[in-house]
């Protein structure tokens, strides 16, 4: 009887989690829509400021300022890396995407297991801890 109660509690907790996950997904969707509206408004205001040849405009609600700054795009990672290393600032400016690096490490580790490579390692990386995560799939709220 105790196990049945615990399993029903688990089922109810999971149900609430799935409902919350759906709410989060809906909020993210709304956020994306609202951010697009905001971006369109910004672009329209920039156009109006340019049309009136204004750099700043005090709205009474706040001040808007039209700025024009260059946006740097990386076209050659090796050349950029060499340049930054020569300046001695490589470590200060370069960051790694932790999620992608973790995925890369796990793929390499899986490949090493398949090849029975007992000496597997990626220079500069090691497992710091194992994280227990929950995979949440197949949200079906049609019976709610």
N, C-alpha and C. Protein backbone atom coordinates (compact mmCIF):
# COMPACT_ATOMS: atom_id res chain seq x y z
N UNK A 1 0.82 -1.20 0.00
CA UNK A 1 0.00 0.00 0.00
C UNK A 1 0.86 1.27 0.00
N UNK A 2 1.95 1.25 0.78
CA UNK A 2 2.82 2.42 0.85
C UNK A 2 3.43 2.73 -0.50
N UNK A 3 3.86 1.68 -1.22
CA UNK A 3 4.47 1.90 -2.53
C UNK A 3 3.44 2.50 -3.49
N UNK A 4 2.19 2.05 -3.42
CA UNK A 4 1.15 2.59 -4.30
C UNK A 4 0.92 4.07 -4.03
N UNK A 5 0.91 4.46 -2.76
CA UNK A 5 0.74 5.86 -2.40
C UNK A 5 1.93 6.67 -2.92
N UNK A 6 3.15 6.16 -2.73
CA UNK A 6 4.33 6.87 -3.21
C UNK A 6 4.31 7.01 -4.72
N UNK A 7 3.86 5.97 -5.41
CA UNK A 7 3.81 6.05 -6.87
C UNK A 7 2.73 7.03 -7.33
N UNK A 8 1.63 7.08 -6.61
CA UNK A 8 0.60 8.06 -6.99
C UNK A 8 1.08 9.47 -6.70
N UNK A 9 1.86 9.65 -5.63
CA UNK A 9 2.46 10.96 -5.35
C UNK A 9 3.45 11.33 -6.45
N UNK A 10 4.23 10.33 -6.89
CA UNK A 10 5.17 10.56 -7.98
C UNK A 10 4.42 10.93 -9.25
N UNK A 11 3.34 10.23 -9.53
CA UNK A 11 2.54 10.53 -10.73
C UNK A 11 1.98 11.95 -10.65
N UNK A 12 1.47 12.35 -9.50
CA UNK A 12 0.92 13.70 -9.34
C UNK A 12 2.01 14.76 -9.47
N UNK A 13 3.18 14.49 -8.88
CA UNK A 13 4.30 15.44 -8.99
C UNK A 13 4.73 15.58 -10.44
N UNK A 14 4.78 14.47 -11.17
CA UNK A 14 5.15 14.52 -12.59
C UNK A 14 4.11 15.28 -13.39
N UNK A 15 2.84 15.05 -13.11
CA UNK A 15 1.76 15.76 -13.80
C UNK A 15 1.92 17.27 -13.62
N UNK A 16 2.16 17.69 -12.37
CA UNK A 16 2.34 19.12 -12.09
C UNK A 16 3.56 19.67 -12.83
N UNK A 17 4.63 18.86 -12.90
CA UNK A 17 5.83 19.29 -13.59
C UNK A 17 5.56 19.48 -15.08
N UNK A 18 4.82 18.54 -15.69
CA UNK A 18 4.50 18.66 -17.11
C UNK A 18 3.64 19.90 -17.38
N UNK A 19 2.70 20.17 -16.51
CA UNK A 19 1.86 21.37 -16.65
C UNK A 19 2.73 22.62 -16.54
N UNK A 20 3.66 22.64 -15.59
CA UNK A 20 4.56 23.78 -15.42
C UNK A 20 5.46 23.94 -16.63
N UNK A 21 5.96 22.83 -17.17
CA UNK A 21 6.81 22.88 -18.36
C UNK A 21 6.05 23.50 -19.52
N UNK A 22 4.78 23.15 -19.67
CA UNK A 22 3.95 23.74 -20.73
C UNK A 22 3.78 25.23 -20.52
N UNK A 23 3.60 25.65 -19.27
CA UNK A 23 3.49 27.08 -18.97
C UNK A 23 4.78 27.81 -19.33
N UNK A 24 5.92 27.22 -18.99
CA UNK A 24 7.21 27.83 -19.30
C UNK A 24 7.37 27.96 -20.82
N UNK A 25 7.00 26.92 -21.55
CA UNK A 25 7.11 26.96 -23.01
C UNK A 25 6.23 28.06 -23.58
N UNK A 26 5.03 28.22 -23.05
CA UNK A 26 4.12 29.27 -23.51
C UNK A 26 4.70 30.66 -23.21
N UNK A 27 5.28 30.82 -22.02
CA UNK A 27 5.88 32.10 -21.66
C UNK A 27 7.07 32.42 -22.57
N UNK A 28 7.88 31.42 -22.89
CA UNK A 28 9.01 31.64 -23.80
C UNK A 28 8.51 32.06 -25.17
N UNK A 29 7.42 31.43 -25.62
CA UNK A 29 6.83 31.79 -26.92
C UNK A 29 6.34 33.23 -26.89
N UNK A 30 5.64 33.61 -25.83
CA UNK A 30 5.16 34.99 -25.70
C UNK A 30 6.31 35.97 -25.61
N UNK A 31 7.38 35.59 -24.89
CA UNK A 31 8.55 36.46 -24.77
C UNK A 31 9.16 36.70 -26.14
N UNK A 32 9.27 35.65 -26.94
CA UNK A 32 9.83 35.79 -28.28
C UNK A 32 8.98 36.72 -29.13
N UNK A 33 7.68 36.58 -29.05
CA UNK A 33 6.76 37.45 -29.80
C UNK A 33 6.92 38.90 -29.36
N UNK A 34 6.93 39.12 -28.05
CA UNK A 34 7.06 40.48 -27.52
C UNK A 34 8.41 41.09 -27.86
N UNK A 35 9.48 40.28 -27.83
CA UNK A 35 10.81 40.79 -28.20
C UNK A 35 10.84 41.19 -29.67
N UNK A 36 10.15 40.45 -30.53
CA UNK A 36 10.08 40.79 -31.95
C UNK A 36 9.34 42.11 -32.14
N UNK A 37 8.24 42.29 -31.42
CA UNK A 37 7.48 43.54 -31.49
C UNK A 37 8.37 44.70 -31.05
N UNK A 38 9.10 44.51 -29.94
CA UNK A 38 9.99 45.54 -29.43
C UNK A 38 11.07 45.88 -30.44
N UNK A 39 11.68 44.85 -31.04
CA UNK A 39 12.73 45.07 -32.03
C UNK A 39 12.20 45.85 -33.24
N UNK A 40 10.99 45.49 -33.68
CA UNK A 40 10.38 46.23 -34.79
C UNK A 40 10.15 47.69 -34.42
N UNK A 41 9.72 47.93 -33.17
CA UNK A 41 9.52 49.30 -32.70
C UNK A 41 10.84 50.06 -32.69
N UNK A 42 11.89 49.43 -32.17
CA UNK A 42 13.22 50.06 -32.16
C UNK A 42 13.64 50.46 -33.57
N UNK A 43 13.50 49.54 -34.51
CA UNK A 43 13.90 49.83 -35.89
C UNK A 43 13.07 50.97 -36.48
N UNK A 44 11.79 51.00 -36.16
CA UNK A 44 10.94 52.10 -36.64
C UNK A 44 11.37 53.43 -36.08
N UNK A 45 11.72 53.46 -34.81
CA UNK A 45 12.15 54.70 -34.16
C UNK A 45 13.50 55.14 -34.72
N UNK A 46 14.40 54.19 -34.96
CA UNK A 46 15.68 54.53 -35.59
C UNK A 46 15.43 55.19 -36.94
N UNK A 47 14.53 54.61 -37.73
CA UNK A 47 14.19 55.19 -39.04
C UNK A 47 13.66 56.62 -38.88
N UNK A 48 12.78 56.84 -37.89
CA UNK A 48 12.22 58.17 -37.68
C UNK A 48 13.30 59.17 -37.25
N UNK A 49 14.19 58.73 -36.35
CA UNK A 49 15.28 59.61 -35.91
C UNK A 49 16.17 59.97 -37.10
N UNK A 50 16.48 58.98 -37.94
CA UNK A 50 17.29 59.26 -39.13
C UNK A 50 16.57 60.21 -40.07
N UNK A 51 15.27 59.98 -40.26
CA UNK A 51 14.48 60.84 -41.15
C UNK A 51 14.52 62.30 -40.69
N UNK A 52 14.45 62.51 -39.38
CA UNK A 52 14.47 63.86 -38.83
C UNK A 52 15.88 64.33 -38.50
N UNK A 53 16.88 63.53 -38.87
CA UNK A 53 18.27 63.84 -38.63
C UNK A 53 18.55 64.13 -37.15
N UNK A 54 17.96 63.31 -36.27
CA UNK A 54 18.15 63.45 -34.83
C UNK A 54 19.02 62.33 -34.30
N UNK A 55 19.95 62.69 -33.43
CA UNK A 55 20.76 61.68 -32.76
C UNK A 55 20.10 61.27 -31.44
N UNK A 56 19.53 62.25 -30.72
CA UNK A 56 18.83 61.96 -29.47
C UNK A 56 17.45 62.61 -29.51
N UNK A 57 16.55 62.07 -28.71
CA UNK A 57 15.22 62.64 -28.60
C UNK A 57 14.71 62.36 -27.20
N UNK A 58 14.34 63.43 -26.50
CA UNK A 58 13.79 63.29 -25.15
C UNK A 58 12.28 63.16 -25.29
N UNK A 59 11.76 62.00 -24.92
CA UNK A 59 10.35 61.68 -25.15
C UNK A 59 9.42 62.15 -24.05
N UNK A 60 9.98 62.51 -22.92
CA UNK A 60 9.14 62.78 -21.76
C UNK A 60 8.99 61.52 -20.91
N UNK A 61 9.18 60.35 -21.53
CA UNK A 61 9.18 59.07 -20.80
C UNK A 61 10.60 58.59 -20.57
N UNK A 62 11.50 59.16 -21.34
CA UNK A 62 12.90 58.78 -21.31
C UNK A 62 13.56 59.27 -22.59
N UNK A 63 14.85 59.15 -22.65
CA UNK A 63 15.60 59.64 -23.80
C UNK A 63 16.00 58.46 -24.68
N UNK A 64 15.86 58.63 -25.99
CA UNK A 64 16.37 57.65 -26.94
C UNK A 64 17.55 58.27 -27.68
N UNK A 65 18.55 57.46 -27.93
CA UNK A 65 19.75 57.92 -28.61
C UNK A 65 20.09 56.94 -29.72
N UNK A 66 20.25 57.47 -30.90
CA UNK A 66 20.64 56.67 -32.06
C UNK A 66 22.15 56.58 -32.08
N UNK A 67 22.68 55.37 -32.02
CA UNK A 67 24.12 55.18 -32.05
C UNK A 67 24.49 54.37 -33.29
N UNK A 68 25.70 54.54 -33.72
CA UNK A 68 26.19 53.81 -34.87
C UNK A 68 27.57 53.29 -34.52
N UNK A 69 27.62 52.04 -34.09
CA UNK A 69 28.88 51.44 -33.68
C UNK A 69 29.16 50.24 -34.57
N UNK A 70 30.41 50.03 -34.92
CA UNK A 70 30.74 48.86 -35.75
C UNK A 70 30.51 47.56 -34.98
N UNK A 71 30.15 46.54 -35.69
CA UNK A 71 29.96 45.21 -35.13
C UNK A 71 31.01 44.29 -35.73
N UNK A 72 31.87 43.78 -34.89
CA UNK A 72 32.97 42.93 -35.36
C UNK A 72 32.47 41.51 -35.60
N UNK A 73 32.85 40.96 -36.74
CA UNK A 73 32.48 39.59 -37.09
C UNK A 73 33.75 38.78 -37.26
N UNK A 74 33.80 37.61 -36.64
CA UNK A 74 34.98 36.76 -36.75
C UNK A 74 34.93 36.03 -38.09
N UNK A 75 35.98 36.21 -38.88
CA UNK A 75 36.03 35.57 -40.20
C UNK A 75 37.12 34.50 -40.27
N UNK A 76 38.13 34.56 -39.37
CA UNK A 76 39.22 33.58 -39.37
C UNK A 76 39.62 33.34 -37.91
N UNK A 77 39.10 32.26 -37.32
CA UNK A 77 39.35 31.98 -35.91
C UNK A 77 40.82 31.74 -35.61
N UNK A 78 41.52 31.06 -36.51
CA UNK A 78 42.94 30.80 -36.28
C UNK A 78 43.74 32.09 -36.25
N UNK A 79 43.49 32.97 -37.21
CA UNK A 79 44.21 34.24 -37.26
C UNK A 79 43.89 35.09 -36.04
N UNK A 80 42.63 35.11 -35.64
CA UNK A 80 42.24 35.88 -34.46
C UNK A 80 42.92 35.31 -33.21
N UNK A 81 42.91 33.98 -33.08
CA UNK A 81 43.56 33.35 -31.94
C UNK A 81 45.04 33.69 -31.87
N UNK A 82 45.71 33.64 -33.00
CA UNK A 82 47.14 33.98 -33.06
C UNK A 82 47.36 35.44 -32.64
N UNK A 83 46.54 36.33 -33.17
CA UNK A 83 46.64 37.76 -32.84
C UNK A 83 46.47 37.98 -31.34
N UNK A 84 45.44 37.35 -30.74
CA UNK A 84 45.18 37.53 -29.31
C UNK A 84 46.30 36.93 -28.46
N UNK A 85 46.84 35.80 -28.89
CA UNK A 85 47.95 35.19 -28.14
C UNK A 85 49.18 36.08 -28.19
N UNK A 86 49.46 36.67 -29.36
CA UNK A 86 50.60 37.58 -29.48
C UNK A 86 50.46 38.78 -28.56
N UNK A 87 49.23 39.23 -28.37
CA UNK A 87 48.96 40.36 -27.46
C UNK A 87 48.93 39.94 -26.00
N UNK A 88 48.89 38.63 -25.75
CA UNK A 88 48.83 38.12 -24.38
C UNK A 88 47.46 38.26 -23.74
N UNK A 89 46.41 38.33 -24.55
CA UNK A 89 45.06 38.51 -24.00
C UNK A 89 44.10 37.40 -24.42
N UNK A 90 44.63 36.33 -24.99
CA UNK A 90 43.80 35.23 -25.46
C UNK A 90 42.91 34.69 -24.34
N UNK A 91 43.51 34.35 -23.19
CA UNK A 91 42.77 33.75 -22.08
C UNK A 91 41.73 34.71 -21.50
N UNK A 92 41.98 36.02 -21.61
CA UNK A 92 41.03 36.99 -21.08
C UNK A 92 39.78 37.13 -21.95
N UNK A 93 39.93 36.88 -23.25
CA UNK A 93 38.83 37.14 -24.18
C UNK A 93 38.12 35.89 -24.70
N UNK A 94 38.78 34.77 -24.70
CA UNK A 94 38.19 33.57 -25.29
C UNK A 94 37.45 32.78 -24.23
N UNK A 95 36.21 32.42 -24.53
CA UNK A 95 35.42 31.57 -23.65
C UNK A 95 34.91 30.39 -24.47
N UNK A 96 34.56 29.33 -23.80
CA UNK A 96 34.03 28.15 -24.45
C UNK A 96 32.56 28.00 -24.09
N UNK A 97 31.79 27.49 -25.01
CA UNK A 97 30.39 27.19 -24.75
C UNK A 97 30.36 25.90 -23.93
N UNK A 98 30.04 26.01 -22.65
CA UNK A 98 30.12 24.87 -21.73
C UNK A 98 29.22 23.71 -22.17
N UNK A 99 28.02 24.01 -22.64
CA UNK A 99 27.10 22.94 -23.06
C UNK A 99 27.66 22.19 -24.27
N UNK A 100 28.19 22.93 -25.24
CA UNK A 100 28.76 22.28 -26.42
C UNK A 100 30.02 21.49 -26.07
N UNK A 101 30.83 22.04 -25.17
CA UNK A 101 32.04 21.34 -24.77
C UNK A 101 31.70 20.06 -24.00
N UNK A 102 30.68 20.12 -23.16
CA UNK A 102 30.26 18.93 -22.42
C UNK A 102 29.74 17.87 -23.38
N UNK A 103 28.95 18.30 -24.36
CA UNK A 103 28.44 17.39 -25.37
C UNK A 103 29.59 16.76 -26.16
N UNK A 104 30.54 17.57 -26.56
CA UNK A 104 31.72 17.08 -27.27
C UNK A 104 32.45 16.04 -26.44
N UNK A 105 32.66 16.33 -25.15
CA UNK A 105 33.37 15.41 -24.26
C UNK A 105 32.62 14.08 -24.17
N UNK A 106 31.30 14.15 -23.99
CA UNK A 106 30.51 12.93 -23.87
C UNK A 106 30.53 12.11 -25.15
N UNK A 107 30.49 12.77 -26.30
CA UNK A 107 30.57 12.06 -27.59
C UNK A 107 31.93 11.37 -27.72
N UNK A 108 32.99 12.07 -27.37
CA UNK A 108 34.32 11.49 -27.43
C UNK A 108 34.46 10.32 -26.47
N UNK A 109 33.89 10.45 -25.27
CA UNK A 109 33.95 9.39 -24.29
C UNK A 109 33.17 8.16 -24.78
N UNK A 110 32.00 8.38 -25.37
CA UNK A 110 31.22 7.26 -25.93
C UNK A 110 32.00 6.55 -27.03
N UNK A 111 32.65 7.32 -27.89
CA UNK A 111 33.46 6.75 -28.97
C UNK A 111 34.61 5.93 -28.38
N UNK A 112 35.23 6.44 -27.33
CA UNK A 112 36.34 5.73 -26.69
C UNK A 112 35.85 4.42 -26.07
N UNK A 113 34.66 4.43 -25.47
CA UNK A 113 34.09 3.20 -24.90
C UNK A 113 33.85 2.16 -25.98
N UNK A 114 33.31 2.61 -27.12
CA UNK A 114 33.06 1.69 -28.24
C UNK A 114 34.37 1.07 -28.73
N UNK A 115 35.45 1.86 -28.71
CA UNK A 115 36.76 1.38 -29.17
C UNK A 115 37.57 0.75 -28.05
N UNK A 116 36.95 0.62 -26.87
CA UNK A 116 37.59 0.04 -25.69
C UNK A 116 38.89 0.76 -25.35
N UNK A 117 38.89 2.08 -25.51
CA UNK A 117 40.05 2.92 -25.20
C UNK A 117 40.03 3.25 -23.71
N UNK A 118 40.78 2.50 -22.94
CA UNK A 118 40.79 2.67 -21.48
C UNK A 118 41.60 3.88 -21.04
N UNK A 119 42.41 4.43 -21.95
CA UNK A 119 43.24 5.60 -21.62
C UNK A 119 42.62 6.89 -22.14
N UNK A 120 41.31 6.89 -22.36
CA UNK A 120 40.64 8.05 -22.93
C UNK A 120 40.83 9.30 -22.08
N UNK A 121 41.17 10.37 -22.75
CA UNK A 121 41.16 11.68 -22.11
C UNK A 121 41.19 12.74 -23.21
N UNK A 122 40.65 13.91 -22.88
CA UNK A 122 40.73 15.07 -23.75
C UNK A 122 41.61 16.07 -23.01
N UNK A 123 42.72 16.43 -23.61
CA UNK A 123 43.64 17.35 -22.95
C UNK A 123 42.89 18.62 -22.52
N UNK A 124 43.07 18.97 -21.26
CA UNK A 124 42.46 20.18 -20.74
C UNK A 124 41.05 19.98 -20.20
N UNK A 125 40.55 18.74 -20.27
CA UNK A 125 39.18 18.47 -19.77
C UNK A 125 39.20 17.23 -18.89
N UNK A 126 38.31 17.26 -17.91
CA UNK A 126 38.10 16.08 -17.07
C UNK A 126 36.70 16.14 -16.51
N UNK A 127 36.23 15.02 -16.03
CA UNK A 127 34.90 14.99 -15.42
C UNK A 127 35.03 15.55 -14.01
N UNK A 128 34.29 16.62 -13.75
CA UNK A 128 34.36 17.23 -12.42
C UNK A 128 33.28 16.65 -11.51
N UNK A 129 32.16 16.26 -12.09
CA UNK A 129 31.09 15.65 -11.31
C UNK A 129 30.07 15.07 -12.27
N UNK A 130 29.24 14.20 -11.77
CA UNK A 130 28.12 13.69 -12.55
C UNK A 130 26.87 14.41 -12.11
N UNK A 131 26.11 14.88 -13.05
CA UNK A 131 24.85 15.55 -12.74
C UNK A 131 23.70 14.61 -13.02
N UNK A 132 22.82 14.51 -12.08
CA UNK A 132 21.60 13.75 -12.29
C UNK A 132 20.57 14.71 -12.85
N UNK A 133 20.08 14.40 -14.04
CA UNK A 133 19.10 15.25 -14.70
C UNK A 133 17.88 14.43 -15.02
N UNK A 134 16.80 15.10 -15.25
CA UNK A 134 15.55 14.46 -15.61
C UNK A 134 15.24 14.79 -17.06
N UNK A 135 14.99 13.77 -17.85
CA UNK A 135 14.59 13.99 -19.23
C UNK A 135 13.07 14.05 -19.24
N UNK A 136 12.51 15.14 -19.77
CA UNK A 136 11.07 15.35 -19.75
C UNK A 136 10.58 15.40 -21.20
N UNK A 137 9.77 14.41 -21.57
CA UNK A 137 9.29 14.34 -22.95
C UNK A 137 7.82 13.96 -23.00
N UNK A 138 7.27 14.07 -24.18
CA UNK A 138 5.90 13.64 -24.47
C UNK A 138 4.86 14.32 -23.58
N UNK A 139 4.85 15.64 -23.65
CA UNK A 139 3.85 16.40 -22.91
C UNK A 139 2.51 16.25 -23.61
N UNK A 140 1.53 15.71 -22.88
CA UNK A 140 0.20 15.54 -23.43
C UNK A 140 -0.80 16.06 -22.41
N UNK A 141 -1.28 17.26 -22.64
CA UNK A 141 -2.23 17.86 -21.71
C UNK A 141 -3.65 17.84 -22.24
N UNK A 142 -3.90 17.01 -23.25
CA UNK A 142 -5.22 17.02 -23.89
C UNK A 142 -6.31 16.52 -22.96
N UNK A 143 -5.94 15.74 -21.95
CA UNK A 143 -6.96 15.23 -21.03
C UNK A 143 -7.10 16.08 -19.78
N UNK A 144 -6.57 17.30 -19.82
CA UNK A 144 -6.65 18.18 -18.64
C UNK A 144 -7.92 18.99 -18.66
